[in-house]
Structures are given as C-alpha cells and as structure tokens.
Amino acid sequence: MAGGWARDGAVSEQIEASIEDELKRMQARPKPVGDSLAECAECGEEIPEKRRQAIPGVKLCVDCASERDGAYKARGGINRRGSKDSQLK
C-alpha cells in the first residue's frame, strides 16, 4: 500500500506505539493500598469478599469503580509521532 513519504509499515508502527503508550499509562495508575473496606466508600453497598481479596485496599464496589473509570478525562491530543497529517496542519 502506498504511504506517500512514509516507509512501509510506518502506520502499523504508529498504531502499535500508541497502544503501547496507553498500556504504560494504564499500568502507571496508582493501585489501592491498605485495608479493603467492607462497604463501598461512595454508595455504601457491601463489597464482595472475593473482590476484597483480589484487590487489596479496594474502596469502591464494582458499579462505582466502573462509573468512575468510565468518566471522561480530557487529555492533550498531541500527535508526538509526527505523522504527515499532523505536519500539514
């Protein structure tokens, strides 16, 4: 496939690098520490024993954690890979 000035496989490398960056960002998130709570800190629902054993220091039930994780967080949309499209703008 013709890629203009880009060498073969450059698009795939860019996609893989973006995925790798996101994985590193997710793994760098702080993990819960300390004792797990028996009840959710936000809604007061009981946190299942298996969840408390699986994630030491957990403070939220599954529903509250999912809601918090799904909340939109704006991040800079900078293309650091220097694609041709970003250079033309």
N, C-alpha and C. Protein backbone atom coordinates (compact mmCIF):
# COMPACT_ATOMS: atom_id res chain seq x y z
N MET A 1 0.84 -1.18 0.00
CA MET A 1 0.00 0.00 0.00
C MET A 1 0.88 1.24 0.00
N ALA A 2 0.56 2.18 -0.85
CA ALA A 2 1.34 3.40 -0.95
C ALA A 2 1.10 4.27 0.28
N GLY A 3 2.16 4.81 0.82
CA GLY A 3 2.03 5.61 2.03
C GLY A 3 2.64 6.99 1.88
N GLY A 4 2.76 7.46 0.65
CA GLY A 4 3.35 8.79 0.48
C GLY A 4 4.82 8.76 0.82
N TRP A 5 5.24 9.63 1.71
CA TRP A 5 6.65 9.69 2.10
C TRP A 5 6.99 8.70 3.19
N ALA A 6 5.99 8.09 3.79
CA ALA A 6 6.23 7.15 4.89
C ALA A 6 6.77 5.83 4.34
N ARG A 7 7.62 5.20 5.10
CA ARG A 7 8.17 3.90 4.70
C ARG A 7 7.12 2.83 4.96
N ASP A 8 7.31 1.67 4.40
CA ASP A 8 6.37 0.56 4.58
C ASP A 8 6.29 0.19 6.05
N GLY A 9 5.07 0.00 6.54
CA GLY A 9 4.86 -0.40 7.92
C GLY A 9 4.84 0.73 8.93
N ALA A 10 5.00 1.97 8.47
CA ALA A 10 5.05 3.10 9.39
C ALA A 10 3.72 3.30 10.11
N VAL A 11 2.62 3.09 9.43
CA VAL A 11 1.31 3.27 10.05
C VAL A 11 1.10 2.23 11.14
N SER A 12 1.47 0.99 10.84
CA SER A 12 1.34 -0.08 11.84
C SER A 12 2.21 0.22 13.06
N GLU A 13 3.41 0.70 12.83
CA GLU A 13 4.31 1.05 13.94
C GLU A 13 3.71 2.17 14.79
N GLN A 14 3.09 3.14 14.14
CA GLN A 14 2.49 4.26 14.85
C GLN A 14 1.31 3.78 15.71
N ILE A 15 0.49 2.89 15.17
CA ILE A 15 -0.64 2.34 15.92
C ILE A 15 -0.14 1.53 17.11
N GLU A 16 0.84 0.69 16.88
CA GLU A 16 1.40 -0.13 17.96
C GLU A 16 2.02 0.75 19.05
N ALA A 17 2.71 1.81 18.66
CA ALA A 17 3.31 2.71 19.63
C ALA A 17 2.25 3.44 20.46
N SER A 18 1.16 3.81 19.82
CA SER A 18 0.07 4.47 20.54
C SER A 18 -0.56 3.52 21.56
N ILE A 19 -0.76 2.28 21.16
CA ILE A 19 -1.32 1.28 22.08
C ILE A 19 -0.36 1.04 23.23
N GLU A 20 0.91 0.95 22.94
CA GLU A 20 1.93 0.73 23.97
C GLU A 20 1.95 1.90 24.97
N ASP A 21 1.85 3.12 24.46
CA ASP A 21 1.81 4.30 25.34
C ASP A 21 0.61 4.26 26.27
N GLU A 22 -0.55 3.88 25.74
CA GLU A 22 -1.77 3.81 26.56
C GLU A 22 -1.66 2.71 27.61
N LEU A 23 -1.09 1.57 27.25
CA LEU A 23 -0.91 0.50 28.22
C LEU A 23 0.01 0.93 29.35
N LYS A 24 1.10 1.62 29.01
CA LYS A 24 2.01 2.12 30.05
C LYS A 24 1.31 3.11 30.96
N ARG A 25 0.46 3.97 30.38
CA ARG A 25 -0.26 4.94 31.19
C ARG A 25 -1.22 4.24 32.14
N MET A 26 -1.90 3.21 31.64
CA MET A 26 -2.85 2.47 32.48
C MET A 26 -2.12 1.72 33.60
N GLN A 27 -0.96 1.15 33.30
CA GLN A 27 -0.22 0.40 34.30
C GLN A 27 0.41 1.33 35.35
N ALA A 28 0.62 2.59 34.99
CA ALA A 28 1.23 3.54 35.92
C ALA A 28 0.23 4.14 36.90
N ARG A 29 -1.07 3.87 36.68
CA ARG A 29 -2.09 4.39 37.60
C ARG A 29 -1.84 3.86 39.00
N PRO A 30 -2.08 4.69 40.01
CA PRO A 30 -1.86 4.22 41.38
C PRO A 30 -2.82 3.09 41.75
N LYS A 31 -2.28 2.08 42.41
CA LYS A 31 -3.07 0.94 42.86
C LYS A 31 -3.56 1.21 44.28
N PRO A 32 -4.71 0.66 44.67
CA PRO A 32 -5.18 0.82 46.04
C PRO A 32 -4.20 0.18 47.02
N VAL A 33 -4.03 0.79 48.18
CA VAL A 33 -3.16 0.25 49.22
C VAL A 33 -3.92 0.26 50.55
N GLY A 34 -3.42 -0.50 51.49
CA GLY A 34 -4.03 -0.53 52.82
C GLY A 34 -5.12 -1.58 52.91
N ASP A 35 -5.93 -1.46 53.95
CA ASP A 35 -7.01 -2.41 54.18
C ASP A 35 -8.18 -2.13 53.26
N SER A 36 -8.80 -3.20 52.78
CA SER A 36 -10.01 -3.06 51.98
C SER A 36 -11.19 -2.70 52.87
N LEU A 37 -12.11 -1.94 52.33
CA LEU A 37 -13.33 -1.62 53.06
C LEU A 37 -14.36 -2.72 52.86
N ALA A 38 -15.20 -2.95 53.85
CA ALA A 38 -16.29 -3.93 53.71
C ALA A 38 -17.45 -3.32 52.94
N GLU A 39 -17.58 -1.99 53.01
CA GLU A 39 -18.65 -1.28 52.30
C GLU A 39 -18.04 -0.23 51.39
N CYS A 40 -18.71 0.02 50.28
CA CYS A 40 -18.25 0.99 49.28
C CYS A 40 -18.18 2.38 49.91
N ALA A 41 -17.11 3.11 49.60
CA ALA A 41 -16.93 4.45 50.14
C ALA A 41 -17.91 5.45 49.54
N GLU A 42 -18.47 5.16 48.36
CA GLU A 42 -19.38 6.11 47.72
C GLU A 42 -20.85 5.78 47.95
N CYS A 43 -21.24 4.52 47.74
CA CYS A 43 -22.67 4.19 47.81
C CYS A 43 -23.07 3.41 49.07
N GLY A 44 -22.11 2.85 49.77
CA GLY A 44 -22.40 2.12 50.99
C GLY A 44 -22.77 0.66 50.78
N GLU A 45 -22.81 0.20 49.53
CA GLU A 45 -23.10 -1.21 49.25
C GLU A 45 -21.95 -2.08 49.75
N GLU A 46 -22.27 -3.32 50.08
CA GLU A 46 -21.24 -4.25 50.54
C GLU A 46 -20.32 -4.63 49.38
N ILE A 47 -19.02 -4.64 49.63
CA ILE A 47 -18.04 -5.07 48.63
C ILE A 47 -17.84 -6.57 48.82
N PRO A 48 -18.04 -7.39 47.78
CA PRO A 48 -17.90 -8.84 47.92
C PRO A 48 -16.51 -9.24 48.41
N GLU A 49 -16.48 -10.31 49.20
CA GLU A 49 -15.21 -10.80 49.78
C GLU A 49 -14.19 -11.12 48.70
N LYS A 50 -14.63 -11.73 47.61
CA LYS A 50 -13.68 -12.09 46.54
C LYS A 50 -13.04 -10.85 45.93
N ARG A 51 -13.79 -9.76 45.81
CA ARG A 51 -13.21 -8.51 45.28
C ARG A 51 -12.18 -7.95 46.26
N ARG A 52 -12.49 -8.02 47.54
CA ARG A 52 -11.55 -7.50 48.56
C ARG A 52 -10.27 -8.32 48.57
N GLN A 53 -10.37 -9.63 48.32
CA GLN A 53 -9.18 -10.47 48.28
C GLN A 53 -8.38 -10.24 46.99
N ALA A 54 -9.09 -10.01 45.89
CA ALA A 54 -8.42 -9.84 44.59
C ALA A 54 -7.69 -8.51 44.50
N ILE A 55 -8.26 -7.46 45.12
CA ILE A 55 -7.67 -6.12 45.03
C ILE A 55 -7.46 -5.59 46.44
N PRO A 56 -6.28 -5.81 47.01
CA PRO A 56 -6.03 -5.30 48.36
C PRO A 56 -6.17 -3.77 48.40
N GLY A 57 -6.87 -3.28 49.39
CA GLY A 57 -7.04 -1.85 49.54
C GLY A 57 -8.20 -1.27 48.76
N VAL A 58 -9.08 -2.12 48.23
CA VAL A 58 -10.19 -1.63 47.41
C VAL A 58 -11.16 -0.83 48.28
N LYS A 59 -11.65 0.27 47.75
CA LYS A 59 -12.55 1.15 48.49
C LYS A 59 -13.92 1.29 47.82
N LEU A 60 -14.04 0.86 46.55
CA LEU A 60 -15.28 1.03 45.80
C LEU A 60 -15.83 -0.30 45.33
N CYS A 61 -17.16 -0.37 45.24
CA CYS A 61 -17.80 -1.56 44.67
C CYS A 61 -17.58 -1.55 43.15
N VAL A 62 -17.96 -2.63 42.51
CA VAL A 62 -17.75 -2.77 41.06
C VAL A 62 -18.49 -1.67 40.30
N ASP A 63 -19.74 -1.41 40.67
CA ASP A 63 -20.54 -0.40 39.96
C ASP A 63 -19.91 0.99 40.06
N CYS A 64 -19.52 1.40 41.27
CA CYS A 64 -18.94 2.73 41.46
C CYS A 64 -17.57 2.83 40.77
N ALA A 65 -16.78 1.76 40.83
CA ALA A 65 -15.48 1.77 40.17
C ALA A 65 -15.65 1.87 38.66
N SER A 66 -16.63 1.14 38.11
CA SER A 66 -16.88 1.20 36.66
C SER A 66 -17.33 2.60 36.24
N GLU A 67 -18.19 3.19 37.04
CA GLU A 67 -18.67 4.54 36.74
C GLU A 67 -17.52 5.55 36.77
N ARG A 68 -16.66 5.43 37.76
CA ARG A 68 -15.53 6.35 37.87
C ARG A 68 -14.54 6.15 36.73
N ASP A 69 -14.26 4.89 36.39
CA ASP A 69 -13.32 4.61 35.30
C ASP A 69 -13.86 5.08 33.96
N GLY A 70 -15.17 5.04 33.78
CA GLY A 70 -15.78 5.44 32.52
C GLY A 70 -15.95 6.93 32.37
N ALA A 71 -15.69 7.69 33.44
CA ALA A 71 -15.84 9.15 33.38
C ALA A 71 -14.83 9.74 32.40
N TYR A 72 -15.26 10.71 31.63
CA TYR A 72 -14.41 11.34 30.62
C TYR A 72 -13.34 12.19 31.30
N LYS A 73 -12.10 11.98 30.87
CA LYS A 73 -10.99 12.78 31.36
C LYS A 73 -10.26 13.33 30.14
N ALA A 74 -10.25 14.64 30.02
CA ALA A 74 -9.61 15.26 28.86
C ALA A 74 -8.09 15.10 28.95
N ARG A 75 -7.52 14.69 27.85
CA ARG A 75 -6.06 14.59 27.76
C ARG A 75 -5.64 15.33 26.50
N GLY A 76 -4.42 15.79 26.50
CA GLY A 76 -3.92 16.51 25.35
C GLY A 76 -3.92 15.65 24.11
N GLY A 77 -4.35 16.20 22.99
CA GLY A 77 -4.40 15.46 21.75
C GLY A 77 -3.19 15.72 20.88
N ILE A 78 -2.03 15.62 21.44
CA ILE A 78 -0.81 15.91 20.69
C ILE A 78 -0.32 14.65 20.00
N ASN A 79 -0.08 14.74 18.72
CA ASN A 79 0.46 13.62 17.98
C ASN A 79 1.98 13.73 18.02
N ARG A 80 2.58 12.97 18.91
CA ARG A 80 4.03 13.05 19.07
C ARG A 80 4.78 12.21 18.05
N ARG A 81 4.07 11.45 17.27
CA ARG A 81 4.72 10.57 16.30
C ARG A 81 5.07 11.30 15.01
N GLY A 82 4.56 12.48 14.83
CA GLY A 82 4.92 13.28 13.67
C GLY A 82 4.41 12.72 12.36
N SER A 83 3.13 12.34 12.32
CA SER A 83 2.59 11.83 11.06
C SER A 83 2.52 12.95 10.04
N LYS A 84 2.40 12.55 8.80
CA LYS A 84 2.33 13.53 7.72
C LYS A 84 1.14 14.44 7.90
N ASP A 85 -0.01 13.90 8.33
CA ASP A 85 -1.21 14.71 8.53
C ASP A 85 -0.99 15.82 9.56
N SER A 86 -0.31 15.48 10.65
CA SER A 86 -0.10 16.48 11.69
C SER A 86 0.85 17.58 11.22
N GLN A 87 1.73 17.25 10.29
CA GLN A 87 2.68 18.25 9.82
C GLN A 87 2.05 19.20 8.80
N LEU A 88 0.95 18.78 8.19
CA LEU A 88 0.32 19.61 7.19
C LEU A 88 -0.62 20.66 7.79
N LYS A 89 -0.98 20.50 9.04
CA LYS A 89 -1.93 21.42 9.67
C LYS A 89 -1.29 22.74 10.03
